């Protein structure tokens, strides 16, 4: 958990496919989400800081949640995706979903994580364009 943010893979299409294809471990996926949400690990105090995290997340999750292992956390993440960004997984990556035989909660949560990351990236681009 204490891995510095600088050791995270970049938010690129390759990284997103690695998440979908289960080539990145769950801890790395969680850390990417935490970084984007604003959670920061303070190595000196060995605690997580949430002062950059949106208030609605800080209140419910003062410590970064396990998005891959927690249904409530991933549901909150899903609900935080703006309606205009709900289809980015399909629209930007051409991801058609998993086959029925491949479906399990972990894979579904990874797909949600990627869709949220795409939404985050789009929101960042929109903010820079203003």
Protein backbone atom coordinates (compact mmCIF):
# COMPACT_ATOMS: atom_id res chain seq x y z
CA UNK A 1 0.00 0.00 0.00
CA UNK A 2 2.85 2.38 0.58
CA UNK A 3 4.10 2.29 -2.99
CA UNK A 4 4.70 5.86 -4.17
CA UNK A 5 2.33 7.23 -6.79
CA UNK A 6 5.32 7.69 -9.11
CA UNK A 7 5.55 3.90 -9.44
CA UNK A 8 2.04 3.62 -10.82
CA UNK A 9 1.61 2.98 -14.53
CA UNK A 10 0.51 6.00 -16.58
CA UNK A 11 -3.17 6.43 -17.39
CA UNK A 12 -3.02 5.29 -20.99
CA UNK A 13 -5.12 3.06 -23.22
CA UNK A 14 -2.52 0.32 -22.69
CA UNK A 15 -2.91 0.54 -18.92
CA UNK A 16 -6.70 0.45 -19.21
CA UNK A 17 -6.54 -2.71 -21.32
CA UNK A 18 -4.12 -4.22 -18.79
CA UNK A 19 -6.76 -3.66 -16.12
CA UNK A 20 -9.50 -5.23 -18.25
CA UNK A 21 -7.27 -8.18 -19.19
CA UNK A 22 -6.24 -8.74 -15.56
CA UNK A 23 -2.59 -8.01 -16.34
CA UNK A 24 -2.36 -5.49 -13.48
CA UNK A 25 -2.92 -6.68 -9.93
CA UNK A 26 -5.88 -5.49 -7.88
CA UNK A 27 -3.66 -3.41 -5.58
CA UNK A 28 -2.35 -1.40 -8.54
CA UNK A 29 -5.87 -0.86 -9.89
CA UNK A 30 -6.97 0.38 -6.47
CA UNK A 31 -3.95 2.70 -6.19
CA UNK A 32 -4.71 4.23 -9.60
CA UNK A 33 -8.27 4.93 -8.48
CA UNK A 34 -7.10 6.30 -5.13
CA UNK A 35 -4.62 8.63 -6.82
CA UNK A 36 -7.29 9.98 -9.17
CA UNK A 37 -9.71 10.46 -6.28
CA UNK A 38 -7.04 12.40 -4.35
CA UNK A 39 -5.92 9.94 -1.68
CA UNK A 40 -2.23 10.34 -0.85
CA UNK A 41 -0.02 8.12 1.28
CA UNK A 42 2.14 9.95 3.79
CA UNK A 43 5.19 7.74 4.26
CA UNK A 44 6.40 9.74 7.25
CA UNK A 45 3.25 9.19 9.32
CA UNK A 46 2.39 5.94 7.49
CA UNK A 47 -1.19 7.09 7.03
CA UNK A 48 -3.47 7.96 4.16
CA UNK A 49 -4.39 11.61 3.67
CA UNK A 50 -7.76 12.46 2.20
CA UNK A 51 -7.65 16.28 2.19
CA UNK A 52 -7.71 16.28 -1.65
CA UNK A 53 -10.55 13.77 -1.84
CA UNK A 54 -14.06 15.04 -2.70
CA UNK A 55 -16.12 15.52 0.45
CA UNK A 56 -18.69 12.85 -0.53
CA UNK A 57 -15.84 10.32 -0.60
CA UNK A 58 -14.03 11.61 2.49
CA UNK A 59 -17.14 11.22 4.62
CA UNK A 60 -17.87 7.64 3.59
CA UNK A 61 -14.29 6.52 2.98
CA UNK A 62 -11.77 8.46 5.11
CA UNK A 63 -9.35 5.66 4.19
CA UNK A 64 -9.10 4.53 0.56
CA UNK A 65 -11.50 1.65 -0.12
CA UNK A 66 -10.80 -1.65 -1.86
CA UNK A 67 -12.79 -1.08 -5.04
CA UNK A 68 -12.13 -4.54 -6.45
CA UNK A 69 -13.06 -6.32 -3.23
CA UNK A 70 -15.94 -4.15 -2.03
CA UNK A 71 -19.35 -4.01 -3.64
CA UNK A 72 -20.45 -0.81 -1.81
CA UNK A 73 -17.30 1.07 -2.88
CA UNK A 74 -17.62 0.06 -6.54
CA UNK A 75 -21.34 0.93 -6.54
CA UNK A 76 -20.46 4.42 -5.28
CA UNK A 77 -17.78 4.67 -7.99
CA UNK A 78 -20.33 3.63 -10.64
CA UNK A 79 -22.85 6.20 -9.44
CA UNK A 80 -20.22 8.94 -9.56
CA UNK A 81 -19.74 8.54 -13.33
CA UNK A 82 -21.60 11.37 -15.10
CA UNK A 83 -24.36 10.16 -17.47
CA UNK A 84 -22.48 11.56 -20.48
CA UNK A 85 -19.53 9.28 -19.63
CA UNK A 86 -21.39 6.03 -18.91
CA UNK A 87 -20.56 4.51 -22.33
CA UNK A 88 -16.89 5.52 -22.60
CA UNK A 89 -15.71 1.96 -22.14
CA UNK A 90 -17.54 0.96 -25.30
CA UNK A 91 -17.11 4.26 -27.19
CA UNK A 92 -13.40 4.88 -26.57
CA UNK A 93 -11.99 1.40 -26.11
CA UNK A 94 -14.49 -0.57 -28.17
CA UNK A 95 -14.93 -2.89 -25.19
CA UNK A 96 -17.97 -5.06 -25.79
CA UNK A 97 -17.94 -6.61 -22.33
CA UNK A 98 -17.07 -10.06 -21.11
CA UNK A 99 -18.73 -13.25 -22.28
CA UNK A 100 -21.18 -14.80 -19.82
CA UNK A 101 -18.75 -17.62 -18.97
CA UNK A 102 -16.08 -15.01 -18.14
CA UNK A 103 -18.27 -12.89 -15.86
CA UNK A 104 -17.52 -12.65 -12.17
CA UNK A 105 -17.72 -9.78 -9.66
CA UNK A 106 -13.99 -9.08 -9.85
CA UNK A 107 -13.98 -8.64 -13.64
CA UNK A 108 -17.15 -6.54 -13.52
CA UNK A 109 -15.52 -4.28 -10.92
CA UNK A 110 -12.42 -3.95 -13.09
CA UNK A 111 -14.58 -2.87 -16.05
CA UNK A 112 -16.29 -0.32 -13.80
CA UNK A 113 -12.87 0.92 -12.66
CA UNK A 114 -11.78 1.41 -16.27
CA UNK A 115 -15.00 3.22 -17.16
CA UNK A 116 -14.53 5.52 -14.14
CA UNK A 117 -10.90 6.16 -15.13
CA UNK A 118 -12.01 7.03 -18.67
CA UNK A 119 -14.57 9.41 -17.18
CA UNK A 120 -11.90 10.93 -14.95
CA UNK A 121 -9.61 11.43 -17.95
CA UNK A 122 -12.43 13.01 -19.98
CA UNK A 123 -13.31 15.33 -17.10
CA UNK A 124 -9.65 16.40 -16.81
CA UNK A 125 -9.50 17.11 -20.55
CA UNK A 126 -12.76 19.10 -20.38
CA UNK A 127 -11.40 21.18 -17.48
CA UNK A 128 -8.16 21.92 -19.35
CA UNK A 129 -10.09 22.96 -22.45
CA UNK A 130 -11.89 25.71 -20.52
